[in-house]
């Protein structure tokens, strides 16, 4: 009766050991999640601003508020894209590989 559910095995940590790049993989996934959430937030802002623009009924203040929201969303996307471009350029200049800062690796102890 002790083996009713069978043999249970412990699951492996998907990020591996810390010195084998586990922390870096975790941070890369975290940054990718944040960027994805920023893109979704920008899309929602565009939809809301478009609705505000359509429902402004010619009111100059409401039209300006909707236009400002669209402009701020575009500026946010440009800042995110510029961060990737700058990281690629700095990685290329310092390490000869544009992806070196975008997908870093930790040192390995021998």
PDB file of N, CA and C in Angstrom:
ATOM      1  N   UNK A   1       0.800  -1.199   0.000  1.00  0.00           N
ATOM      2  CA  UNK A   1       0.000   0.000   0.000  1.00  0.00           C
ATOM      3  C   UNK A   1       0.839   1.257   0.000  1.00  0.00           C
ATOM      4  N   UNK A   2       2.106   1.155   0.277  1.00  0.00           N
ATOM      5  CA  UNK A   2       2.952   2.348   0.369  1.00  0.00           C
ATOM      6  C   UNK A   2       3.202   2.958  -1.001  1.00  0.00           C
ATOM      7  N   UNK A   3       3.096   2.182  -2.082  1.00  0.00           N
ATOM      8  CA  UNK A   3       3.376   2.677  -3.431  1.00  0.00           C
ATOM      9  C   UNK A   3       2.100   2.868  -4.237  1.00  0.00           C
ATOM     10  N   UNK A   4       1.113   3.505  -3.693  1.00  0.00           N
ATOM     11  CA  UNK A   4      -0.165   3.678  -4.367  1.00  0.00           C
ATOM     12  C   UNK A   4      -0.024   4.601  -5.573  1.00  0.00           C
ATOM     13  N   UNK A   5       0.715   5.704  -5.444  1.00  0.00           N
ATOM     14  CA  UNK A   5       0.851   6.667  -6.534  1.00  0.00           C
ATOM     15  C   UNK A   5       2.053   6.383  -7.422  1.00  0.00           C
ATOM     16  N   UNK A   6       2.816   5.379  -7.121  1.00  0.00           N
ATOM     17  CA  UNK A   6       3.985   5.065  -7.933  1.00  0.00           C
ATOM     18  C   UNK A   6       5.226   5.758  -7.407  1.00  0.00           C
ATOM     19  N   UNK A   7       6.249   5.709  -8.205  1.00  0.00           N
ATOM     20  CA  UNK A   7       7.513   6.310  -7.795  1.00  0.00           C
ATOM     21  C   UNK A   7       7.525   7.770  -8.227  1.00  0.00           C
ATOM     22  N   UNK A   8       7.720   8.667  -7.289  1.00  0.00           N
ATOM     23  CA  UNK A   8       7.753  10.099  -7.578  1.00  0.00           C
ATOM     24  C   UNK A   8       9.188  10.557  -7.748  1.00  0.00           C
ATOM     25  N   UNK A   9       9.428  11.324  -8.779  1.00  0.00           N
ATOM     26  CA  UNK A   9      10.758  11.867  -9.011  1.00  0.00           C
ATOM     27  C   UNK A   9      10.706  13.372  -8.839  1.00  0.00           C
ATOM     28  N   UNK A  10      11.782  13.920  -8.322  1.00  0.00           N
ATOM     29  CA  UNK A  10      11.833  15.375  -8.172  1.00  0.00           C
ATOM     30  C   UNK A  10      12.068  16.003  -9.533  1.00  0.00           C
ATOM     31  N   UNK A  11      11.432  17.142  -9.744  1.00  0.00           N
ATOM     32  CA  UNK A  11      11.580  17.813 -11.038  1.00  0.00           C
ATOM     33  C   UNK A  11      12.882  18.595 -11.081  1.00  0.00           C
ATOM     34  N   UNK A  12      13.408  18.711 -12.263  1.00  0.00           N
ATOM     35  CA  UNK A  12      14.645  19.461 -12.461  1.00  0.00           C
ATOM     36  C   UNK A  12      14.337  20.945 -12.535  1.00  0.00           C
ATOM     37  N   UNK A  13      15.220  21.763 -12.024  1.00  0.00           N
ATOM     38  CA  UNK A  13      15.097  23.209 -12.138  1.00  0.00           C
ATOM     39  C   UNK A  13      15.385  23.590 -13.592  1.00  0.00           C
ATOM     40  N   UNK A  14      14.463  24.272 -14.298  1.00  0.00           N
ATOM     41  CA  UNK A  14      14.699  24.581 -15.716  1.00  0.00           C
ATOM     42  C   UNK A  14      15.840  25.562 -15.929  1.00  0.00           C
ATOM     43  N   UNK A  15      16.287  26.244 -14.884  1.00  0.00           N
ATOM     44  CA  UNK A  15      17.358  27.220 -15.046  1.00  0.00           C
ATOM     45  C   UNK A  15      18.730  26.636 -14.744  1.00  0.00           C
ATOM     46  N   UNK A  16      18.794  25.410 -14.321  1.00  0.00           N
ATOM     47  CA  UNK A  16      20.076  24.756 -14.117  1.00  0.00           C
ATOM     48  C   UNK A  16      20.828  25.321 -12.927  1.00  0.00           C
ATOM     49  N   UNK A  17      22.107  25.051 -12.893  1.00  0.00           N
ATOM     50  CA  UNK A  17      22.955  25.535 -11.806  1.00  0.00           C
ATOM     51  C   UNK A  17      23.337  26.988 -12.078  1.00  0.00           C
ATOM     52  N   UNK A  18      23.633  27.697 -11.018  1.00  0.00           N
ATOM     53  CA  UNK A  18      23.946  29.119 -11.135  1.00  0.00           C
ATOM     54  C   UNK A  18      25.180  29.353 -12.000  1.00  0.00           C
ATOM     55  N   UNK A  19      26.223  28.560 -11.822  1.00  0.00           N
ATOM     56  CA  UNK A  19      27.457  28.770 -12.572  1.00  0.00           C
ATOM     57  C   UNK A  19      27.349  28.301 -14.017  1.00  0.00           C
ATOM     58  N   UNK A  20      26.308  27.600 -14.377  1.00  0.00           N
ATOM     59  CA  UNK A  20      26.109  27.158 -15.752  1.00  0.00           C
ATOM     60  C   UNK A  20      25.176  28.082 -16.510  1.00  0.00           C
ATOM     61  N   UNK A  21      24.929  29.260 -15.986  1.00  0.00           N
ATOM     62  CA  UNK A  21      24.119  30.240 -16.690  1.00  0.00           C
ATOM     63  C   UNK A  21      22.671  30.288 -16.258  1.00  0.00           C
ATOM     64  N   UNK A  22      22.325  29.686 -15.138  1.00  0.00           N
ATOM     65  CA  UNK A  22      20.948  29.668 -14.680  1.00  0.00           C
ATOM     66  C   UNK A  22      20.421  31.054 -14.354  1.00  0.00           C
ATOM     67  N   UNK A  23      21.230  31.857 -13.678  1.00  0.00           N
ATOM     68  CA  UNK A  23      20.817  33.210 -13.336  1.00  0.00           C
ATOM     69  C   UNK A  23      20.647  34.057 -14.590  1.00  0.00           C
ATOM     70  N   UNK A  24      21.545  33.904 -15.538  1.00  0.00           N
ATOM     71  CA  UNK A  24      21.468  34.664 -16.781  1.00  0.00           C
ATOM     72  C   UNK A  24      20.220  34.281 -17.567  1.00  0.00           C
ATOM     73  N   UNK A  25      19.917  32.998 -17.626  1.00  0.00           N
ATOM     74  CA  UNK A  25      18.701  32.560 -18.313  1.00  0.00           C
ATOM     75  C   UNK A  25      17.464  33.125 -17.649  1.00  0.00           C
ATOM     76  N   UNK A  26      17.462  33.125 -16.326  1.00  0.00           N
ATOM     77  CA  UNK A  26      16.333  33.680 -15.596  1.00  0.00           C
ATOM     78  C   UNK A  26      16.173  35.166 -15.895  1.00  0.00           C
ATOM     79  N   UNK A  27      17.269  35.916 -15.863  1.00  0.00           N
ATOM     80  CA  UNK A  27      17.214  37.353 -16.129  1.00  0.00           C
ATOM     81  C   UNK A  27      16.814  37.632 -17.577  1.00  0.00           C
ATOM     82  N   UNK A  28      17.303  36.832 -18.526  1.00  0.00           N
ATOM     83  CA  UNK A  28      16.890  37.001 -19.919  1.00  0.00           C
ATOM     84  C   UNK A  28      15.390  36.773 -20.074  1.00  0.00           C
ATOM     85  N   UNK A  29      14.872  35.750 -19.414  1.00  0.00           N
ATOM     86  CA  UNK A  29      13.427  35.493 -19.474  1.00  0.00           C
ATOM     87  C   UNK A  29      12.644  36.610 -18.814  1.00  0.00           C
ATOM     88  N   UNK A  30      13.167  37.148 -17.722  1.00  0.00           N
ATOM     89  CA  UNK A  30      12.498  38.249 -17.036  1.00  0.00           C
ATOM     90  C   UNK A  30      12.454  39.500 -17.911  1.00  0.00           C
ATOM     91  N   UNK A  31      13.558  39.819 -18.561  1.00  0.00           N
ATOM     92  CA  UNK A  31      13.596  40.979 -19.461  1.00  0.00           C
ATOM     93  C   UNK A  31      12.644  40.774 -20.640  1.00  0.00           C
ATOM     94  N   UNK A  32      12.619  39.572 -21.193  1.00  0.00           N
ATOM     95  CA  UNK A  32      11.703  39.293 -22.298  1.00  0.00           C
ATOM     96  C   UNK A  32      10.250  39.441 -21.855  1.00  0.00           C
ATOM     97  N   UNK A  33       9.943  39.016 -20.639  1.00  0.00           N
ATOM     98  CA  UNK A  33       8.589  39.160 -20.115  1.00  0.00           C
ATOM     99  C   UNK A  33       8.230  40.634 -19.947  1.00  0.00           C
ATOM    100  N   UNK A  34       9.150  41.419 -19.421  1.00  0.00           N
ATOM    101  CA  UNK A  34       8.895  42.847 -19.226  1.00  0.00           C
ATOM    102  C   UNK A  34       8.678  43.542 -20.564  1.00  0.00           C
ATOM    103  N   UNK A  35       9.467  43.193 -21.555  1.00  0.00           N
ATOM    104  CA  UNK A  35       9.320  43.810 -22.874  1.00  0.00           C
ATOM    105  C   UNK A  35       7.992  43.400 -23.516  1.00  0.00           C
ATOM    106  N   UNK A  36       7.611  42.143 -23.341  1.00  0.00           N
ATOM    107  CA  UNK A  36       6.324  41.685 -23.862  1.00  0.00           C
ATOM    108  C   UNK A  36       5.175  42.424 -23.189  1.00  0.00           C
ATOM    109  N   UNK A  37       5.253  42.572 -21.869  1.00  0.00           N
ATOM    110  CA  UNK A  37       4.224  43.313 -21.157  1.00  0.00           C
ATOM    111  C   UNK A  37       4.172  44.777 -21.589  1.00  0.00           C
ATOM    112  N   UNK A  38       5.335  45.370 -21.865  1.00  0.00           N
ATOM    113  CA  UNK A  38       5.366  46.752 -22.352  1.00  0.00           C
ATOM    114  C   UNK A  38       4.700  46.857 -23.716  1.00  0.00           C
ATOM    115  N   UNK A  39       4.909  45.880 -24.583  1.00  0.00           N
ATOM    116  CA  UNK A  39       4.252  45.881 -25.884  1.00  0.00           C
ATOM    117  C   UNK A  39       2.746  45.737 -25.769  1.00  0.00           C
ATOM    118  N   UNK A  40       2.300  44.859 -24.882  1.00  0.00           N
ATOM    119  CA  UNK A  40       0.862  44.685 -24.667  1.00  0.00           C
ATOM    120  C   UNK A  40       0.260  45.963 -24.084  1.00  0.00           C
ATOM    121  N   UNK A  41       0.958  46.574 -23.137  1.00  0.00           N
ATOM    122  CA  UNK A  41       0.492  47.834 -22.547  1.00  0.00           C
ATOM    123  C   UNK A  41       0.384  48.920 -23.613  1.00  0.00           C
ATOM    124  N   UNK A  42       1.354  48.976 -24.519  1.00  0.00           N
ATOM    125  CA  UNK A  42       1.317  49.969 -25.592  1.00  0.00           C
ATOM    126  C   UNK A  42       0.146  49.714 -26.526  1.00  0.00           C
ATOM    127  N   UNK A  43      -0.111  48.467 -26.862  1.00  0.00           N
ATOM    128  CA  UNK A  43      -1.247  48.134 -27.714  1.00  0.00           C
ATOM    129  C   UNK A  43      -2.563  48.549 -27.064  1.00  0.00           C
ATOM    130  N   UNK A  44      -2.693  48.269 -25.765  1.00  0.00           N
ATOM    131  CA  UNK A  44      -3.908  48.671 -25.053  1.00  0.00           C
ATOM    132  C   UNK A  44      -4.034  50.192 -25.030  1.00  0.00           C
ATOM    133  N   UNK A  45      -2.904  50.899 -24.833  1.00  0.00           N
ATOM    134  CA  UNK A  45      -2.937  52.366 -24.856  1.00  0.00           C
ATOM    135  C   UNK A  45      -3.375  52.887 -26.220  1.00  0.00           C
ATOM    136  N   UNK A  46      -2.898  52.270 -27.296  1.00  0.00           N
ATOM    137  CA  UNK A  46      -3.319  52.684 -28.638  1.00  0.00           C
ATOM    138  C   UNK A  46      -4.827  52.496 -28.823  1.00  0.00           C
ATOM    139  N   UNK A  47      -5.347  51.376 -28.362  1.00  0.00           N
ATOM    140  CA  UNK A  47      -6.776  51.112 -28.507  1.00  0.00           C
ATOM    141  C   UNK A  47      -7.594  52.117 -27.693  1.00  0.00           C
ATOM    142  N   UNK A  48      -7.179  52.359 -26.453  1.00  0.00           N
ATOM    143  CA  UNK A  48      -7.894  53.323 -25.616  1.00  0.00           C
ATOM    144  C   UNK A  48      -7.819  54.727 -26.206  1.00  0.00           C
ATOM    145  N   UNK A  49      -6.631  55.115 -26.680  1.00  0.00           N
ATOM    146  CA  UNK A  49      -6.479  56.453 -27.269  1.00  0.00           C
ATOM    147  C   UNK A  49      -7.304  56.586 -28.541  1.00  0.00           C
ATOM    148  N   UNK A  50      -7.374  55.537 -29.339  1.00  0.00           N
ATOM    149  CA  UNK A  50      -8.206  55.574 -30.538  1.00  0.00           C
ATOM    150  C   UNK A  50      -9.671  55.734 -30.195  1.00  0.00           C
ATOM    151  N   UNK A  51     -10.111  55.036 -29.163  1.00  0.00           N
ATOM    152  CA  UNK A  51     -11.499  55.180 -28.722  1.00  0.00           C
ATOM    153  C   UNK A  51     -11.752  56.594 -28.206  1.00  0.00           C
ATOM    154  N   UNK A  52     -10.800  57.132 -27.440  1.00  0.00           N
ATOM    155  CA  UNK A  52     -10.944  58.496 -26.936  1.00  0.00           C
ATOM    156  C   UNK A  52     -10.974  59.498 -28.083  1.00  0.00           C
ATOM    157  N   UNK A  53     -10.170  59.252 -29.097  1.00  0.00           N
ATOM    158  CA  UNK A  53     -10.127  60.153 -30.256  1.00  0.00           C
ATOM    159  C   UNK A  53     -11.459  60.119 -31.008  1.00  0.00           C
ATOM    160  N   UNK A  54     -12.007  58.919 -31.180  1.00  0.00           N
ATOM    161  CA  UNK A  54     -13.279  58.799 -31.908  1.00  0.00           C
ATOM    162  C   UNK A  54     -14.448  59.370 -31.113  1.00  0.00           C
ATOM    163  N   UNK A  55     -14.391  59.263 -29.797  1.00  0.00           N
ATOM    164  CA  UNK A  55     -15.512  59.726 -28.978  1.00  0.00           C
ATOM    165  C   UNK A  55     -15.333  61.163 -28.480  1.00  0.00           C
ATOM    166  N   UNK A  56     -14.335  61.869 -28.999  1.00  0.00           N
ATOM    167  CA  UNK A  56     -14.083  63.236 -28.548  1.00  0.00           C
ATOM    168  C   UNK A  56     -15.137  64.214 -29.051  1.00  0.00           C
ATOM    169  N   UNK A  57     -15.824  63.908 -30.116  1.00  0.00           N
ATOM    170  CA  UNK A  57     -16.881  64.753 -30.692  1.00  0.00           C
ATOM    171  C   UNK A  57     -16.406  66.164 -30.986  1.00  0.00           C
ATOM    172  N   UNK A  58     -15.180  66.288 -31.429  1.00  0.00           N
ATOM    173  CA  UNK A  58     -14.665  67.598 -31.817  1.00  0.00           C
ATOM    174  C   UNK A  58     -14.171  68.455 -30.660  1.00  0.00           C
ATOM    175  N   UNK A  59     -14.216  67.952 -29.432  1.00  0.00           N
ATOM    176  CA  UNK A  59     -13.729  68.712 -28.277  1.00  0.00           C
ATOM    177  C   UNK A  59     -12.208  68.805 -28.332  1.00  0.00           C
ATOM    178  N   UNK A  60     -11.648  70.011 -28.436  1.00  0.00           N
ATOM    179  CA  UNK A  60     -10.194  70.150 -28.602  1.00  0.00           C
ATOM    180  C   UNK A  60      -9.383  69.563 -27.446  1.00  0.00           C
ATOM    181  N   UNK A  61      -9.876  69.664 -26.229  1.00  0.00           N
ATOM    182  CA  UNK A  61      -9.123  69.134 -25.085  1.00  0.00           C
ATOM    183  C   UNK A  61      -9.079  67.609 -25.114  1.00  0.00           C
ATOM    184  N   UNK A  62     -10.190  66.998 -25.438  1.00  0.00           N
ATOM    185  CA  UNK A  62     -10.217  65.533 -25.499  1.00  0.00           C
ATOM    186  C   UNK A  62      -9.412  65.018 -26.687  1.00  0.00           C
ATOM    187  N   UNK A  63      -9.435  65.743 -27.800  1.00  0.00           N
ATOM    188  CA  UNK A  63      -8.614  65.353 -28.953  1.00  0.00           C
ATOM    189  C   UNK A  63      -7.130  65.461 -28.611  1.00  0.00           C
ATOM    190  N   UNK A  64      -6.763  66.533 -27.904  1.00  0.00           N
ATOM    191  CA  UNK A  64      -5.360  66.712 -27.510  1.00  0.00           C
ATOM    192  C   UNK A  64      -4.933  65.625 -26.527  1.00  0.00           C
ATOM    193  N   UNK A  65      -5.815  65.255 -25.590  1.00  0.00           N
ATOM    194  CA  UNK A  65      -5.478  64.205 -24.631  1.00  0.00           C
ATOM    195  C   UNK A  65      -5.267  62.866 -25.334  1.00  0.00           C
ATOM    196  N   UNK A  66      -6.121  62.556 -26.305  1.00  0.00           N
ATOM    197  CA  UNK A  66      -5.964  61.299 -27.050  1.00  0.00           C
ATOM    198  C   UNK A  66      -4.685  61.324 -27.885  1.00  0.00           C
ATOM    199  N   UNK A  67      -4.405  62.458 -28.518  1.00  0.00           N
ATOM    200  CA  UNK A  67      -3.172  62.575 -29.299  1.00  0.00           C
ATOM    201  C   UNK A  67      -1.937  62.448 -28.436  1.00  0.00           C
ATOM    202  N   UNK A  68      -1.970  63.024 -27.237  1.00  0.00           N
ATOM    203  CA  UNK A  68      -0.838  62.908 -26.311  1.00  0.00           C
ATOM    204  C   UNK A  68      -0.628  61.469 -25.862  1.00  0.00           C
ATOM    205  N   UNK A  69      -1.713  60.747 -25.656  1.00  0.00           N
ATOM    206  CA  UNK A  69      -1.596  59.344 -25.241  1.00  0.00           C
ATOM    207  C   UNK A  69      -0.964  58.511 -26.353  1.00  0.00           C
ATOM    208  N   UNK A  70      -1.355  58.782 -27.589  1.00  0.00           N
ATOM    209  CA  UNK A  70      -0.759  58.073 -28.727  1.00  0.00           C
ATOM    210  C   UNK A  70       0.726  58.414 -28.828  1.00  0.00           C
ATOM    211  N   UNK A  71       1.059  59.696 -28.687  1.00  0.00           N
ATOM    212  CA  UNK A  71       2.456  60.125 -28.765  1.00  0.00           C
ATOM    213  C   UNK A  71       3.289  59.497 -27.654  1.00  0.00           C
ATOM    214  N   UNK A  72       2.767  59.449 -26.447  1.00  0.00           N
ATOM    215  CA  UNK A  72       3.508  58.846 -25.341  1.00  0.00           C
ATOM    216  C   UNK A  72       3.723  57.343 -25.558  1.00  0.00           C
ATOM    217  N   UNK A  73       2.758  56.672 -26.153  1.00  0.00           N
ATOM    218  CA  UNK A  73       2.921  55.250 -26.448  1.00  0.00           C
ATOM    219  C   UNK A  73       4.009  55.026 -27.488  1.00  0.00           C
ATOM    220  N   UNK A  74       4.029  55.881 -28.499  1.00  0.00           N
ATOM    221  CA  UNK A  74       5.066  55.768 -29.528  1.00  0.00           C
ATOM    222  C   UNK A  74       6.440  56.056 -28.934  1.00  0.00           C
ATOM    223  N   UNK A  75       6.534  57.058 -28.070  1.00  0.00           N
ATOM    224  CA  UNK A  75       7.813  57.381 -27.425  1.00  0.00           C
ATOM    225  C   UNK A  75       8.283  56.199 -26.575  1.00  0.00           C
ATOM    226  N   UNK A  76       7.363  55.535 -25.878  1.00  0.00           N
ATOM    227  CA  UNK A  76       7.735  54.362 -25.085  1.00  0.00           C
ATOM    228  C   UNK A  76       8.290  53.246 -25.941  1.00  0.00           C
ATOM    229  N   UNK A  77       7.659  52.985 -27.091  1.00  0.00           N
ATOM    230  CA  UNK A  77       8.178  51.955 -28.001  1.00  0.00           C
ATOM    231  C   UNK A  77       9.548  52.329 -28.549  1.00  0.00           C
ATOM    232  N   UNK A  78       9.736  53.607 -28.854  1.00  0.00           N
ATOM    233  CA  UNK A  78      11.032  54.062 -29.369  1.00  0.00           C
ATOM    234  C   UNK A  78      12.112  53.901 -28.308  1.00  0.00           C
ATOM    235  N   UNK A  79      11.794  54.180 -27.054  1.00  0.00           N
ATOM    236  CA  UNK A  79      12.772  54.020 -25.976  1.00  0.00           C
ATOM    237  C   UNK A  79      13.166  52.555 -25.824  1.00  0.00           C
ATOM    238  N   UNK A  80      12.190  51.644 -25.877  1.00  0.00           N
ATOM    239  CA  UNK A  80      12.497  50.217 -25.765  1.00  0.00           C
ATOM    240  C   UNK A  80      13.369  49.762 -26.937  1.00  0.00           C
ATOM    241  N   UNK A  81      13.013  50.178 -28.158  1.00  0.00           N
ATOM    242  CA  UNK A  81      13.809  49.797 -29.331  1.00  0.00           C
ATOM    243  C   UNK A  81      15.204  50.409 -29.259  1.00  0.00           C
ATOM    244  N   UNK A  82      15.299  51.655 -28.799  1.00  0.00           N
ATOM    245  CA  UNK A  82      16.607  52.313 -28.695  1.00  0.00           C
ATOM    246  C   UNK A  82      17.491  51.603 -27.677  1.00  0.00           C
ATOM    247  N   UNK A  83      16.906  51.095 -26.606  1.00  0.00           N
ATOM    248  CA  UNK A  83      17.697  50.366 -25.615  1.00  0.00           C
ATOM    249  C   UNK A  83      18.318  49.115 -26.233  1.00  0.00           C
ATOM    250  N   UNK A  84      17.558  48.397 -27.059  1.00  0.00           N
ATOM    251  CA  UNK A  84      18.108  47.224 -27.739  1.00  0.00           C
ATOM    252  C   UNK A  84      19.195  47.623 -28.733  1.00  0.00           C
ATOM    253  N   UNK A  85      18.969  48.692 -29.468  1.00  0.00           N
ATOM    254  CA  UNK A  85      19.958  49.137 -30.457  1.00  0.00           C
ATOM    255  C   UNK A  85      21.249  49.568 -29.772  1.00  0.00           C
ATOM    256  N   UNK A  86      21.123  50.330 -28.689  1.00  0.00           N
ATOM    257  CA  UNK A  86      22.315  50.781 -27.963  1.00  0.00           C
ATOM    258  C   UNK A  86      23.057  49.597 -27.357  1.00  0.00           C
ATOM    259  N   UNK A  87      22.326  48.652 -26.781  1.00  0.00           N
ATOM    260  CA  UNK A  87      22.980  47.460 -26.222  1.00  0.00           C
ATOM    261  C   UNK A  87      23.698  46.670 -27.312  1.00  0.00           C
ATOM    262  N   UNK A  88      23.099  46.567 -28.488  1.00  0.00           N
ATOM    263  CA  UNK A  88      23.754  45.875 -29.603  1.00  0.00           C
ATOM    264  C   UNK A  88      25.002  46.593 -30.072  1.00  0.00           C
ATOM    265  N   UNK A  89      24.931  47.920 -30.173  1.00  0.00           N
ATOM    266  CA  UNK A  89      26.104  48.690 -30.603  1.00  0.00           C
ATOM    267  C   UNK A  89      27.235  48.618 -29.585  1.00  0.00           C
ATOM    268  N   UNK A  90      26.905  48.766 -28.309  1.00  0.00           N
ATOM    269  CA  UNK A  90      27.941  48.693 -27.276  1.00  0.00           C
ATOM    270  C   UNK A  90      28.551  47.296 -27.240  1.00  0.00           C
ATOM    271  N   UNK A  91      27.737  46.272 -27.357  1.00  0.00           N
ATOM    272  CA  UNK A  91      28.255  44.908 -27.392  1.00  0.00           C
ATOM    273  C   UNK A  91      29.142  44.666 -28.593  1.00  0.00           C
ATOM    274  N   UNK A  92      28.777  45.239 -29.739  1.00  0.00           N
ATOM    275  CA  UNK A  92      29.598  45.072 -30.934  1.00  0.00           C
ATOM    276  C   UNK A  92      30.933  45.798 -30.789  1.00  0.00           C
ATOM    277  N   UNK A  93      30.905  47.014 -30.240  1.00  0.00           N
ATOM    278  CA  UNK A  93      32.141  47.787 -30.082  1.00  0.00           C
ATOM    279  C   UNK A  93      33.055  47.148 -29.044  1.00  0.00           C
ATOM    280  N   UNK A  94      32.518  46.725 -27.916  1.00  0.00           N
ATOM    281  CA  UNK A  94      33.360  46.201 -26.842  1.00  0.00           C
ATOM    282  C   UNK A  94      33.767  44.745 -27.042  1.00  0.00           C
ATOM    283  N   UNK A  95      32.855  43.919 -27.543  1.00  0.00           N
ATOM    284  CA  UNK A  95      33.112  42.482 -27.612  1.00  0.00           C
ATOM    285  C   UNK A  95      33.147  41.917 -29.021  1.00  0.00           C
ATOM    286  N   UNK A  96      32.823  42.713 -30.030  1.00  0.00           N
ATOM    287  CA  UNK A  96      32.824  42.228 -31.402  1.00  0.00           C
ATOM    288  C   UNK A  96      31.606  41.399 -31.757  1.00  0.00           C
ATOM    289  N   UNK A  97      30.635  41.323 -30.869  1.00  0.00           N
ATOM    290  CA  UNK A  97      29.414  40.555 -31.098  1.00  0.00           C
ATOM    291  C   UNK A  97      28.237  41.385 -30.616  1.00  0.00           C
ATOM    292  N   UNK A  98      27.321  41.702 -31.510  1.00  0.00           N
ATOM    293  CA  UNK A  98      26.193  42.568 -31.152  1.00  0.00           C
ATOM    294  C   UNK A  98      25.272  41.914 -30.138  1.00  0.00           C
ATOM    295  N   UNK A  99      25.236  40.608 -30.079  1.00  0.00           N
ATOM    296  CA  UNK A  99      24.332  39.920 -29.149  1.00  0.00           C
ATOM    297  C   UNK A  99      24.982  39.624 -27.802  1.00  0.00           C
ATOM    298  N   UNK A 100      26.212  40.063 -27.593  1.00  0.00           N
ATOM    299  CA  UNK A 100      26.902  39.699 -26.355  1.00  0.00           C
ATOM    300  C   UNK A 100      26.239  40.304 -25.120  1.00  0.00           C
ATOM    301  N   UNK A 101      25.727  41.514 -25.200  1.00  0.00           N
ATOM    302  CA  UNK A 101      25.036  42.105 -24.055  1.00  0.00           C
ATOM    303  C   UNK A 101      23.580  41.674 -23.981  1.00  0.00           C
ATOM    304  N   UNK A 102      23.026  41.240 -25.091  1.00  0.00           N
ATOM    305  CA  UNK A 102      21.627  40.836 -25.119  1.00  0.00           C
ATOM    306  C   UNK A 102      21.427  39.399 -24.643  1.00  0.00           C
ATOM    307  N   UNK A 103      22.463  38.599 -24.745  1.00  0.00           N
ATOM    308  CA  UNK A 103      22.406  37.216 -24.223  1.00  0.00           C
ATOM    309  C   UNK A 103      23.738  36.901 -23.555  1.00  0.00           C
ATOM    310  N   UNK A 104      23.947  37.430 -22.362  1.00  0.00           N
ATOM    311  CA  UNK A 104      25.248  37.262 -21.687  1.00  0.00           C
ATOM    312  C   UNK A 104      25.448  35.843 -21.151  1.00  0.00           C
ATOM    313  N   UNK A 105      26.699  35.513 -20.869  1.00  0.00           N
ATOM    314  CA  UNK A 105      27.034  34.238 -20.263  1.00  0.00           C
ATOM    315  C   UNK A 105      27.900  34.500 -19.029  1.00  0.00           C
ATOM    316  N   UNK A 106      27.736  33.681 -18.038  1.00  0.00           N
ATOM    317  CA  UNK A 106      28.563  33.798 -16.840  1.00  0.00           C
ATOM    318  C   UNK A 106      29.850  33.009 -17.030  1.00  0.00           C
ATOM    319  N   UNK A 107      30.875  33.371 -16.285  1.00  0.00           N
ATOM    320  CA  UNK A 107      32.127  32.639 -16.319  1.00  0.00           C
ATOM    321  C   UNK A 107      31.932  31.265 -15.715  1.00  0.00           C
ATOM    322  N   UNK A 108      32.832  30.367 -16.049  1.00  0.00           N
ATOM    323  CA  UNK A 108      32.757  29.014 -15.503  1.00  0.00           C
ATOM    324  C   UNK A 108      34.019  28.748 -14.697  1.00  0.00           C
ATOM    325  N   UNK A 109      33.831  28.204 -13.521  1.00  0.00           N
ATOM    326  CA  UNK A 109      34.967  27.822 -12.667  1.00  0.00           C
ATOM    327  C   UNK A 109      35.455  26.452 -13.053  1.00  0.00           C
ATOM    328  N   UNK A 110      36.750  26.245 -12.954  1.00  0.00           N
ATOM    329  CA  UNK A 110      37.314  24.933 -13.301  1.00  0.00           C
ATOM    330  C   UNK A 110      37.700  24.186 -12.072  1.00  0.00           C
TER     331      UNK A 110
END
